[in-house]
Amino acid sequence: MALDYLALGISGAIALGCGYGSLSSLLAARVIEDTPTSKIRSAHQGYVELIGFAKAGLGNMLLSGLSQTPCLWYKYNIERYESSGKNSSWRSVERKTSDQPFMLNDGSGDCVVYPDRADVSTQRKKTWKGSERHPSGTTSSHSLFGSRYRYTEEILCADDLLYVIGQFETRNPPSNSELQQRAMTEILNEWKQDYDTLVTRFDRNGDGEIDLQEWDLVRAEALRKAQRDINKQAPQNPIHTISYSPSRRQPYMIACSEPESLSKGFRWQAFFLLLASVAGTTAFVWQILQA
């Protein structure tokens, strides 16, 4: 019996792909279980786990790509039903994921969450069908040609429970001296634009010029004005962020669930993928032995 190389390749691909997926899911479960939950205010710099509630960031609320629902994050996929002879399937024709950052609040502070390259899992998921490529709502719309398109949309909204594990960084605001130096430089540049007024204010010897001693007076007065301006401003707080980790062994995950249920889901996923890998390996070996 000759080898069926196509079937052999499919079996091998299933064995390898599912085996890799099983190990990845198991790693994700172990990372969740082994990483303690941190508070934003006291979290160390590096890979951390945060739990809180989602809230809008500095940007405007988003409207989801398909249903136009107000949200903080969305992902959608549009599929078209295609048939050719005896074969028919749904094929993706358009997909998009938003990347605008939003906030997580855990009671101790706020953290900016950057969703780019994150594995996002949300409980707000809708699937419906329609006859047009872009739907007019979240309910099925039918025509004489039937529901040719299938829409899937996932969103994350304000006040949703939020679990995030990723690379945590704190950006401290500039010190008062740095702020004063910047403000003084801006003030001096502004005063230089009106040199005649500058001479009128600081020309002590009446020669129509600003010499080195008089320039020291200009700088001192500009610094005093900068200090007054800075003191009137509200103090700046540190900015905390969480984003994608460069390490492959540190997955970046955002989920609307508790870590225990998330970990359990990954372990079940690892188990079923392992079964599929074993089945693929068995089929691969059986085909070789039958040749």
C-alpha atoms as a PDB file:
ATOM      1  CA  MET A   1       0.000   0.000   0.000  1.00  0.00           C
ATOM      2  CA  ALA A   2       1.527   3.344  -1.068  1.00  0.00           C
ATOM      3  CA  LEU A   3       1.829   6.194   1.361  1.00  0.00           C
ATOM      4  CA  ASP A   4      -0.845   8.887   1.127  1.00  0.00           C
ATOM      5  CA  TYR A   5       1.444  11.867   1.621  1.00  0.00           C
ATOM      6  CA  LEU A   6      -1.425  14.361   1.908  1.00  0.00           C
ATOM      7  CA  ALA A   7      -3.093  12.403   4.715  1.00  0.00           C
ATOM      8  CA  LEU A   8       0.307  11.838   6.315  1.00  0.00           C
ATOM      9  CA  GLY A   9       1.027  15.578   6.216  1.00  0.00           C
ATOM     10  CA  ILE A  10      -2.353  16.436   7.698  1.00  0.00           C
ATOM     11  CA  SER A  11      -1.855  13.960  10.562  1.00  0.00           C
ATOM     12  CA  GLY A  12       1.616  15.298  11.248  1.00  0.00           C
ATOM     13  CA  ALA A  13       0.427  18.895  11.185  1.00  0.00           C
ATOM     14  CA  ILE A  14      -2.386  18.095  13.634  1.00  0.00           C
ATOM     15  CA  ALA A  15       0.017  16.282  15.956  1.00  0.00           C
ATOM     16  CA  LEU A  16       2.586  19.089  15.963  1.00  0.00           C
ATOM     17  CA  GLY A  17       0.143  22.018  15.976  1.00  0.00           C
ATOM     18  CA  CYS A  18      -2.068  20.653  18.726  1.00  0.00           C
ATOM     19  CA  GLY A  19       0.955  19.566  20.749  1.00  0.00           C
ATOM     20  CA  TYR A  20       2.414  23.060  20.577  1.00  0.00           C
ATOM     21  CA  GLY A  21      -0.974  24.569  21.421  1.00  0.00           C
ATOM     22  CA  SER A  22      -1.335  22.262  24.414  1.00  0.00           C
ATOM     23  CA  LEU A  23       2.055  23.304  25.790  1.00  0.00           C
ATOM     24  CA  SER A  24       1.265  26.999  25.208  1.00  0.00           C
ATOM     25  CA  SER A  25      -2.081  26.718  27.031  1.00  0.00           C
ATOM     26  CA  LEU A  26      -0.456  24.851  29.899  1.00  0.00           C
ATOM     27  CA  LEU A  27       2.251  27.520  30.133  1.00  0.00           C
ATOM     28  CA  ALA A  28      -0.417  30.254  30.232  1.00  0.00           C
ATOM     29  CA  ALA A  29      -2.232  28.439  33.048  1.00  0.00           C
ATOM     30  CA  ARG A  30       0.976  28.036  35.051  1.00  0.00           C
ATOM     31  CA  VAL A  31       1.928  31.690  34.569  1.00  0.00           C
ATOM     32  CA  ILE A  32      -1.493  32.822  35.852  1.00  0.00           C
ATOM     33  CA  GLU A  33      -1.276  30.503  38.851  1.00  0.00           C
ATOM     34  CA  ASP A  34       2.321  31.412  39.748  1.00  0.00           C
ATOM     35  CA  THR A  35       2.012  35.213  39.398  1.00  0.00           C
ATOM     36  CA  PRO A  36       0.603  36.925  42.521  1.00  0.00           C
ATOM     37  CA  THR A  37      -1.882  39.768  42.176  1.00  0.00           C
ATOM     38  CA  SER A  38      -0.329  43.206  42.705  1.00  0.00           C
ATOM     39  CA  LYS A  39      -1.791  46.576  43.625  1.00  0.00           C
ATOM     40  CA  ILE A  40      -1.134  49.356  41.142  1.00  0.00           C
ATOM     41  CA  ARG A  41       0.184  51.732  43.809  1.00  0.00           C
ATOM     42  CA  SER A  42       2.812  49.268  45.080  1.00  0.00           C
ATOM     43  CA  ALA A  43       3.426  47.029  42.036  1.00  0.00           C
ATOM     44  CA  HIS A  44       7.050  46.333  41.163  1.00  0.00           C
ATOM     45  CA  GLN A  45       8.437  47.178  37.753  1.00  0.00           C
ATOM     46  CA  GLY A  46       8.220  44.184  35.418  1.00  0.00           C
ATOM     47  CA  TYR A  47       5.805  41.344  34.804  1.00  0.00           C
ATOM     48  CA  VAL A  48       2.740  41.649  37.080  1.00  0.00           C
ATOM     49  CA  GLU A  49      -0.899  40.619  37.450  1.00  0.00           C
ATOM     50  CA  LEU A  50      -3.584  43.263  38.070  1.00  0.00           C
ATOM     51  CA  ILE A  51      -7.298  42.916  38.826  1.00  0.00           C
ATOM     52  CA  GLY A  52      -9.748  45.828  38.793  1.00  0.00           C
ATOM     53  CA  PHE A  53     -12.410  47.479  36.700  1.00  0.00           C
ATOM     54  CA  ALA A  54     -12.183  48.988  33.230  1.00  0.00           C
ATOM     55  CA  LYS A  55     -12.653  52.705  32.724  1.00  0.00           C
ATOM     56  CA  ALA A  56     -12.186  55.186  29.918  1.00  0.00           C
ATOM     57  CA  GLY A  57      -8.750  56.689  29.408  1.00  0.00           C
ATOM     58  CA  LEU A  58      -7.792  60.124  28.097  1.00  0.00           C
ATOM     59  CA  GLY A  59      -9.297  59.392  24.683  1.00  0.00           C
ATOM     60  CA  ASN A  60     -12.979  59.337  23.769  1.00  0.00           C
ATOM     61  CA  MET A  61     -15.148  56.258  24.179  1.00  0.00           C
ATOM     62  CA  LEU A  62     -15.106  54.045  21.097  1.00  0.00           C
ATOM     63  CA  LEU A  63     -18.038  52.829  19.044  1.00  0.00           C
ATOM     64  CA  SER A  64     -17.700  49.143  18.183  1.00  0.00           C
ATOM     65  CA  GLY A  65     -17.008  48.438  14.519  1.00  0.00           C
ATOM     66  CA  LEU A  66     -20.244  46.585  13.708  1.00  0.00           C
ATOM     67  CA  SER A  67     -23.015  47.284  16.233  1.00  0.00           C
ATOM     68  CA  GLN A  68     -21.798  50.834  17.080  1.00  0.00           C
ATOM     69  CA  THR A  69     -21.984  50.058  20.798  1.00  0.00           C
ATOM     70  CA  PRO A  70     -20.109  52.455  23.144  1.00  0.00           C
ATOM     71  CA  CYS A  71     -17.076  50.555  24.452  1.00  0.00           C
ATOM     72  CA  LEU A  72     -13.405  50.707  25.420  1.00  0.00           C
ATOM     73  CA  TRP A  73     -12.163  47.959  23.092  1.00  0.00           C
ATOM     74  CA  TYR A  74     -13.636  45.932  20.221  1.00  0.00           C
ATOM     75  CA  LYS A  75     -12.803  43.189  17.799  1.00  0.00           C
ATOM     76  CA  TYR A  76     -14.873  42.008  14.876  1.00  0.00           C
ATOM     77  CA  ASN A  77     -14.809  39.497  12.057  1.00  0.00           C
ATOM     78  CA  ILE A  78     -16.992  39.475   8.947  1.00  0.00           C
ATOM     79  CA  GLU A  79     -17.347  36.167   7.103  1.00  0.00           C
ATOM     80  CA  ARG A  80     -18.962  35.404   3.753  1.00  0.00           C
ATOM     81  CA  TYR A  81     -20.604  32.096   2.917  1.00  0.00           C
ATOM     82  CA  GLU A  82     -19.038  30.629  -0.206  1.00  0.00           C
ATOM     83  CA  SER A  83     -19.884  27.404  -1.994  1.00  0.00           C
ATOM     84  CA  SER A  84     -18.224  25.661  -4.913  1.00  0.00           C
ATOM     85  CA  GLY A  85     -19.683  22.377  -6.021  1.00  0.00           C
ATOM     86  CA  LYS A  86     -19.976  20.108  -2.998  1.00  0.00           C
ATOM     87  CA  ASN A  87     -17.734  22.324  -0.879  1.00  0.00           C
ATOM     88  CA  SER A  88     -19.043  25.245   1.147  1.00  0.00           C
ATOM     89  CA  SER A  89     -17.597  27.262   4.017  1.00  0.00           C
ATOM     90  CA  TRP A  90     -17.481  30.613   5.774  1.00  0.00           C
ATOM     91  CA  ARG A  91     -14.482  32.697   4.706  1.00  0.00           C
ATOM     92  CA  SER A  92     -13.287  35.780   6.580  1.00  0.00           C
ATOM     93  CA  VAL A  93     -13.424  38.900   4.391  1.00  0.00           C
ATOM     94  CA  GLU A  94     -12.814  41.646   6.951  1.00  0.00           C
ATOM     95  CA  ARG A  95     -11.561  41.841  10.522  1.00  0.00           C
ATOM     96  CA  LYS A  96     -10.354  44.568  12.836  1.00  0.00           C
ATOM     97  CA  THR A  97      -9.192  45.031  16.419  1.00  0.00           C
ATOM     98  CA  SER A  98      -9.055  48.424  18.154  1.00  0.00           C
ATOM     99  CA  ASP A  99      -5.785  49.510  19.768  1.00  0.00           C
ATOM    100  CA  GLN A 100      -6.804  52.619  21.730  1.00  0.00           C
ATOM    101  CA  PRO A 101      -5.560  52.386  25.349  1.00  0.00           C
ATOM    102  CA  PHE A 102      -7.986  52.402  28.284  1.00  0.00           C
ATOM    103  CA  MET A 103      -7.669  52.378  32.061  1.00  0.00           C
ATOM    104  CA  LEU A 104      -7.772  49.792  34.834  1.00  0.00           C
ATOM    105  CA  ASN A 105      -8.625  50.923  38.364  1.00  0.00           C
ATOM    106  CA  ASP A 106      -8.107  48.608  41.345  1.00  0.00           C
ATOM    107  CA  GLY A 107      -8.926  51.028  44.150  1.00  0.00           C
ATOM    108  CA  SER A 108      -5.279  51.931  44.755  1.00  0.00           C
ATOM    109  CA  GLY A 109      -4.731  53.780  41.486  1.00  0.00           C
ATOM    110  CA  ASP A 110      -5.143  53.864  37.721  1.00  0.00           C
ATOM    111  CA  CYS A 111      -3.092  52.007  35.131  1.00  0.00           C
ATOM    112  CA  VAL A 112      -3.081  52.648  31.380  1.00  0.00           C
ATOM    113  CA  VAL A 113      -3.708  49.394  29.493  1.00  0.00           C
ATOM    114  CA  TYR A 114      -2.334  49.129  25.960  1.00  0.00           C
ATOM    115  CA  PRO A 115      -4.312  46.337  24.204  1.00  0.00           C
ATOM    116  CA  ASP A 116      -1.957  46.032  21.229  1.00  0.00           C
ATOM    117  CA  ARG A 117      -0.752  42.389  20.837  1.00  0.00           C
ATOM    118  CA  ALA A 118      -2.761  41.249  23.859  1.00  0.00           C
ATOM    119  CA  ASP A 119      -4.742  38.011  24.034  1.00  0.00           C
ATOM    120  CA  VAL A 120      -8.115  39.553  24.927  1.00  0.00           C
ATOM    121  CA  SER A 121     -10.958  37.450  26.297  1.00  0.00           C
ATOM    122  CA  THR A 122     -14.321  39.084  26.979  1.00  0.00           C
ATOM    123  CA  GLN A 123     -17.767  37.784  27.847  1.00  0.00           C
ATOM    124  CA  ARG A 124     -19.445  40.368  25.609  1.00  0.00           C
ATOM    125  CA  LYS A 125     -19.561  38.471  22.318  1.00  0.00           C
ATOM    126  CA  LYS A 126     -22.277  38.523  19.626  1.00  0.00           C
ATOM    127  CA  THR A 127     -22.699  36.534  16.425  1.00  0.00           C
ATOM    128  CA  TRP A 128     -25.430  37.216  13.878  1.00  0.00           C
ATOM    129  CA  LYS A 129     -26.085  37.013  10.150  1.00  0.00           C
ATOM    130  CA  GLY A 130     -27.184  39.321   7.384  1.00  0.00           C
ATOM    131  CA  SER A 131     -27.352  39.825   3.652  1.00  0.00           C
ATOM    132  CA  GLU A 132     -24.982  42.816   3.421  1.00  0.00           C
ATOM    133  CA  ARG A 133     -21.260  43.010   4.064  1.00  0.00           C
ATOM    134  CA  HIS A 134     -21.678  45.626   6.785  1.00  0.00           C
ATOM    135  CA  PRO A 135     -24.651  45.091   9.105  1.00  0.00           C
ATOM    136  CA  SER A 136     -27.147  47.767  10.069  1.00  0.00           C
ATOM    137  CA  GLY A 137     -27.675  46.322  13.567  1.00  0.00           C
ATOM    138  CA  THR A 138     -27.138  43.289  15.800  1.00  0.00           C
ATOM    139  CA  THR A 139     -30.126  41.284  14.573  1.00  0.00           C
ATOM    140  CA  SER A 140     -30.292  39.040  11.555  1.00  0.00           C
ATOM    141  CA  SER A 141     -31.468  40.657   8.340  1.00  0.00           C
ATOM    142  CA  HIS A 142     -32.771  38.490   5.542  1.00  0.00           C
ATOM    143  CA  SER A 143     -33.337  39.039   1.844  1.00  0.00           C
ATOM    144  CA  LEU A 144     -34.279  36.960  -1.152  1.00  0.00           C
ATOM    145  CA  PHE A 145     -30.664  35.793  -1.276  1.00  0.00           C
ATOM    146  CA  GLY A 146     -30.554  34.660   2.357  1.00  0.00           C
ATOM    147  CA  SER A 147     -27.972  35.431   5.050  1.00  0.00           C
ATOM    148  CA  ARG A 148     -24.767  35.413   3.088  1.00  0.00           C
ATOM    149  CA  TYR A 149     -22.691  37.171   5.762  1.00  0.00           C
ATOM    150  CA  ARG A 150     -21.919  36.228   9.346  1.00  0.00           C
ATOM    151  CA  TYR A 151     -20.752  38.824  11.859  1.00  0.00           C
ATOM    152  CA  THR A 152     -18.882  38.225  15.111  1.00  0.00           C
ATOM    153  CA  GLU A 153     -18.160  41.090  17.490  1.00  0.00           C
ATOM    154  CA  GLU A 154     -16.443  41.181  20.879  1.00  0.00           C
ATOM    155  CA  ILE A 155     -16.351  44.287  23.073  1.00  0.00           C
ATOM    156  CA  LEU A 156     -15.044  45.415  26.435  1.00  0.00           C
ATOM    157  CA  CYS A 157     -17.027  48.121  28.238  1.00  0.00           C
ATOM    158  CA  ALA A 158     -16.534  50.532  31.120  1.00  0.00           C
ATOM    159  CA  ASP A 159     -16.967  48.974  34.591  1.00  0.00           C
ATOM    160  CA  ASP A 160     -16.283  45.444  33.288  1.00  0.00           C
ATOM    161  CA  LEU A 161     -14.209  43.269  35.600  1.00  0.00           C
ATOM    162  CA  LEU A 162     -10.689  43.347  34.217  1.00  0.00           C
ATOM    163  CA  TYR A 163      -7.828  40.915  34.670  1.00  0.00           C
ATOM    164  CA  VAL A 164      -4.519  41.927  33.062  1.00  0.00           C
ATOM    165  CA  ILE A 165      -1.125  40.255  33.188  1.00  0.00           C
ATOM    166  CA  GLY A 166       1.769  41.890  31.354  1.00  0.00           C
ATOM    167  CA  GLN A 167       4.745  44.256  31.529  1.00  0.00           C
ATOM    168  CA  PHE A 168       4.174  46.968  34.165  1.00  0.00           C
ATOM    169  CA  GLU A 169       6.036  50.279  34.056  1.00  0.00           C
ATOM    170  CA  THR A 170       5.809  53.497  36.044  1.00  0.00           C
ATOM    171  CA  ARG A 171       6.751  56.797  34.471  1.00  0.00           C
ATOM    172  CA  ASN A 172       7.484  59.381  37.157  1.00  0.00           C
ATOM    173  CA  PRO A 173       6.716  63.024  36.381  1.00  0.00           C
ATOM    174  CA  PRO A 174       9.590  65.527  36.053  1.00  0.00           C
ATOM    175  CA  SER A 175      10.899  67.043  39.288  1.00  0.00           C
ATOM    176  CA  ASN A 176      10.032  70.632  40.255  1.00  0.00           C
ATOM    177  CA  SER A 177      13.502  71.793  39.271  1.00  0.00           C
ATOM    178  CA  GLU A 178      13.138  70.228  35.807  1.00  0.00           C
ATOM    179  CA  LEU A 179       9.700  71.799  35.375  1.00  0.00           C
ATOM    180  CA  GLN A 180      11.035  75.179  36.476  1.00  0.00           C
ATOM    181  CA  GLN A 181      13.962  75.000  34.044  1.00  0.00           C
ATOM    182  CA  ARG A 182      11.618  74.141  31.163  1.00  0.00           C
ATOM    183  CA  ALA A 183       9.219  76.937  32.104  1.00  0.00           C
ATOM    184  CA  MET A 184      12.091  79.421  32.474  1.00  0.00           C
ATOM    185  CA  THR A 185      13.377  78.544  28.997  1.00  0.00           C
ATOM    186  CA  GLU A 186       9.909  79.105  27.516  1.00  0.00           C
ATOM    187  CA  ILE A 187       9.585  82.455  29.320  1.00  0.00           C
ATOM    188  CA  LEU A 188      12.985  83.633  28.096  1.00  0.00           C
ATOM    189  CA  ASN A 189      12.155  82.646  24.507  1.00  0.00           C
ATOM    190  CA  GLU A 190       8.900  84.577  24.777  1.00  0.00           C
ATOM    191  CA  TRP A 191      10.603  87.682  26.172  1.00  0.00           C
ATOM    192  CA  LYS A 192      13.241  87.609  23.426  1.00  0.00           C
ATOM    193  CA  GLN A 193      10.493  87.994  20.848  1.00  0.00           C
ATOM    194  CA  ASP A 194       9.950  91.565  22.171  1.00  0.00           C
ATOM    195  CA  TYR A 195      13.536  92.735  22.660  1.00  0.00           C
ATOM    196  CA  ASP A 196      12.601  96.408  23.064  1.00  0.00           C
ATOM    197  CA  THR A 197      10.419  95.658  26.074  1.00  0.00           C
ATOM    198  CA  LEU A 198      13.175  93.456  27.478  1.00  0.00           C
ATOM    199  CA  VAL A 199      15.656  96.355  27.212  1.00  0.00           C
ATOM    200  CA  THR A 200      13.191  98.751  28.830  1.00  0.00           C
ATOM    201  CA  ARG A 201      12.768  96.441  31.833  1.00  0.00           C
ATOM    202  CA  PHE A 202      16.354  95.331  32.436  1.00  0.00           C
ATOM    203  CA  ASP A 203      18.781  97.865  30.853  1.00  0.00           C
ATOM    204  CA  ARG A 204      20.292  99.286  34.052  1.00  0.00           C
ATOM    205  CA  ASN A 205      23.137 101.314  32.521  1.00  0.00           C
ATOM    206  CA  GLY A 206      21.035 102.853  29.745  1.00  0.00           C
ATOM    207  CA  ASP A 207      23.223 101.720  26.816  1.00  0.00           C
ATOM    208  CA  GLY A 208      20.287 100.212  24.925  1.00  0.00           C
ATOM    209  CA  GLU A 209      21.680  96.697  25.242  1.00  0.00           C
ATOM    210  CA  ILE A 210      21.444  93.751  27.633  1.00  0.00           C
ATOM    211  CA  ASP A 211      24.942  92.984  28.905  1.00  0.00           C
ATOM    212  CA  LEU A 212      26.050  89.894  30.830  1.00  0.00           C
ATOM    213  CA  GLN A 213      25.207  91.309  34.273  1.00  0.00           C
ATOM    214  CA  GLU A 214      21.805  92.474  33.081  1.00  0.00           C
ATOM    215  CA  TRP A 215      21.209  89.090  31.435  1.00  0.00           C
ATOM    216  CA  ASP A 216      21.705  87.473  34.875  1.00  0.00           C
ATOM    217  CA  LEU A 217      18.895  89.701  36.134  1.00  0.00           C
ATOM    218  CA  VAL A 218      16.705  88.598  33.228  1.00  0.00           C
ATOM    219  CA  ARG A 219      17.333  84.935  34.014  1.00  0.00           C
ATOM    220  CA  ALA A 220      16.669  85.449  37.737  1.00  0.00           C
ATOM    221  CA  GLU A 221      13.354  87.176  37.056  1.00  0.00           C
ATOM    222  CA  ALA A 222      12.351  84.497  34.525  1.00  0.00           C
ATOM    223  CA  LEU A 223      13.146  81.802  37.112  1.00  0.00           C
ATOM    224  CA  ARG A 224      11.037  83.562  39.755  1.00  0.00           C
ATOM    225  CA  LYS A 225       8.117  83.753  37.319  1.00  0.00           C
ATOM    226  CA  ALA A 226       8.563  80.071  36.389  1.00  0.00           C
ATOM    227  CA  GLN A 227       8.509  79.105  40.084  1.00  0.00           C
ATOM    228  CA  ARG A 228       5.299  81.044  40.657  1.00  0.00           C
ATOM    229  CA  ASP A 229       3.665  79.416  37.627  1.00  0.00           C
ATOM    230  CA  ILE A 230       4.709  75.888  38.642  1.00  0.00           C
ATOM    231  CA  ASN A 231       3.487  76.392  42.234  1.00  0.00           C
ATOM    232  CA  LYS A 232       0.028  77.291  40.918  1.00  0.00           C
ATOM    233  CA  GLN A 233      -0.231  73.991  38.995  1.00  0.00           C
ATOM    234  CA  ALA A 234      -1.641  70.814  40.492  1.00  0.00           C
ATOM    235  CA  PRO A 235       1.040  68.214  41.307  1.00  0.00           C
ATOM    236  CA  GLN A 236       1.539  65.530  38.650  1.00  0.00           C
ATOM    237  CA  ASN A 237       1.090  61.895  39.625  1.00  0.00           C
ATOM    238  CA  PRO A 238       3.168  58.984  38.311  1.00  0.00           C
ATOM    239  CA  ILE A 239       1.738  57.311  35.197  1.00  0.00           C
ATOM    240  CA  HIS A 240       1.430  53.519  35.420  1.00  0.00           C
ATOM    241  CA  THR A 241       1.199  51.451  32.232  1.00  0.00           C
ATOM    242  CA  ILE A 242       0.875  47.776  31.347  1.00  0.00           C
ATOM    243  CA  SER A 243       1.611  46.383  27.913  1.00  0.00           C
ATOM    244  CA  TYR A 244       3.070  43.530  25.866  1.00  0.00           C
ATOM    245  CA  SER A 245       6.055  41.736  27.399  1.00  0.00           C
ATOM    246  CA  PRO A 246       9.050  41.098  25.113  1.00  0.00           C
ATOM    247  CA  SER A 247       9.584  37.684  26.737  1.00  0.00           C
ATOM    248  CA  ARG A 248       7.905  34.705  25.041  1.00  0.00           C
ATOM    249  CA  ARG A 249       7.443  33.037  28.418  1.00  0.00           C
ATOM    250  CA  GLN A 250       5.389  35.986  29.675  1.00  0.00           C
ATOM    251  CA  PRO A 251       2.077  36.061  27.786  1.00  0.00           C
ATOM    252  CA  TYR A 252       0.146  39.324  27.664  1.00  0.00           C
ATOM    253  CA  MET A 253      -3.490  38.647  28.572  1.00  0.00           C
ATOM    254  CA  ILE A 254      -6.569  40.800  29.163  1.00  0.00           C
ATOM    255  CA  ALA A 255      -9.701  39.034  30.371  1.00  0.00           C
ATOM    256  CA  CYS A 256     -13.079  39.810  31.920  1.00  0.00           C
ATOM    257  CA  SER A 257     -12.890  36.956  34.421  1.00  0.00           C
ATOM    258  CA  GLU A 258     -11.222  35.905  37.665  1.00  0.00           C
ATOM    259  CA  PRO A 259      -7.747  34.328  37.348  1.00  0.00           C
ATOM    260  CA  GLU A 260      -8.979  30.996  38.781  1.00  0.00           C
ATOM    261  CA  SER A 261     -11.566  30.467  36.035  1.00  0.00           C
ATOM    262  CA  LEU A 262      -9.139  31.736  33.395  1.00  0.00           C
ATOM    263  CA  SER A 263      -6.467  29.282  34.508  1.00  0.00           C
ATOM    264  CA  LYS A 264      -8.962  26.421  34.585  1.00  0.00           C
ATOM    265  CA  GLY A 265     -10.046  27.272  31.033  1.00  0.00           C
ATOM    266  CA  PHE A 266      -6.450  27.137  29.796  1.00  0.00           C
ATOM    267  CA  ARG A 267      -5.911  23.767  31.503  1.00  0.00           C
ATOM    268  CA  TRP A 268      -9.015  22.280  29.850  1.00  0.00           C
ATOM    269  CA  GLN A 269      -7.840  23.721  26.535  1.00  0.00           C
ATOM    270  CA  ALA A 270      -4.426  22.129  27.046  1.00  0.00           C
ATOM    271  CA  PHE A 271      -6.071  18.776  27.829  1.00  0.00           C
ATOM    272  CA  PHE A 272      -8.239  18.681  24.692  1.00  0.00           C
ATOM    273  CA  LEU A 273      -5.381  19.855  22.483  1.00  0.00           C
ATOM    274  CA  LEU A 274      -3.226  17.102  23.957  1.00  0.00           C
ATOM    275  CA  LEU A 275      -5.888  14.537  23.048  1.00  0.00           C
ATOM    276  CA  ALA A 276      -5.991  15.909  19.506  1.00  0.00           C
ATOM    277  CA  SER A 277      -2.193  15.758  19.329  1.00  0.00           C
ATOM    278  CA  VAL A 278      -2.179  12.138  20.504  1.00  0.00           C
ATOM    279  CA  ALA A 279      -4.851  11.268  17.919  1.00  0.00           C
ATOM    280  CA  GLY A 280      -2.836  12.956  15.174  1.00  0.00           C
ATOM    281  CA  THR A 281       0.345  11.165  16.240  1.00  0.00           C
ATOM    282  CA  THR A 282      -1.483   7.819  16.321  1.00  0.00           C
ATOM    283  CA  ALA A 283      -2.868   8.379  12.825  1.00  0.00           C
ATOM    284  CA  PHE A 284       0.575   9.432  11.576  1.00  0.00           C
ATOM    285  CA  VAL A 285       2.258   6.291  12.929  1.00  0.00           C
ATOM    286  CA  TRP A 286      -0.575   4.020  11.738  1.00  0.00           C
ATOM    287  CA  GLN A 287      -0.309   5.353   8.166  1.00  0.00           C
ATOM    288  CA  ILE A 288       3.431   4.714   8.117  1.00  0.00           C
ATOM    289  CA  LEU A 289       3.004   1.166   9.442  1.00  0.00           C
ATOM    290  CA  GLN A 290       0.319   0.409   6.869  1.00  0.00           C
ATOM    291  CA  ALA A 291       2.510   1.445   3.958  1.00  0.00           C
END
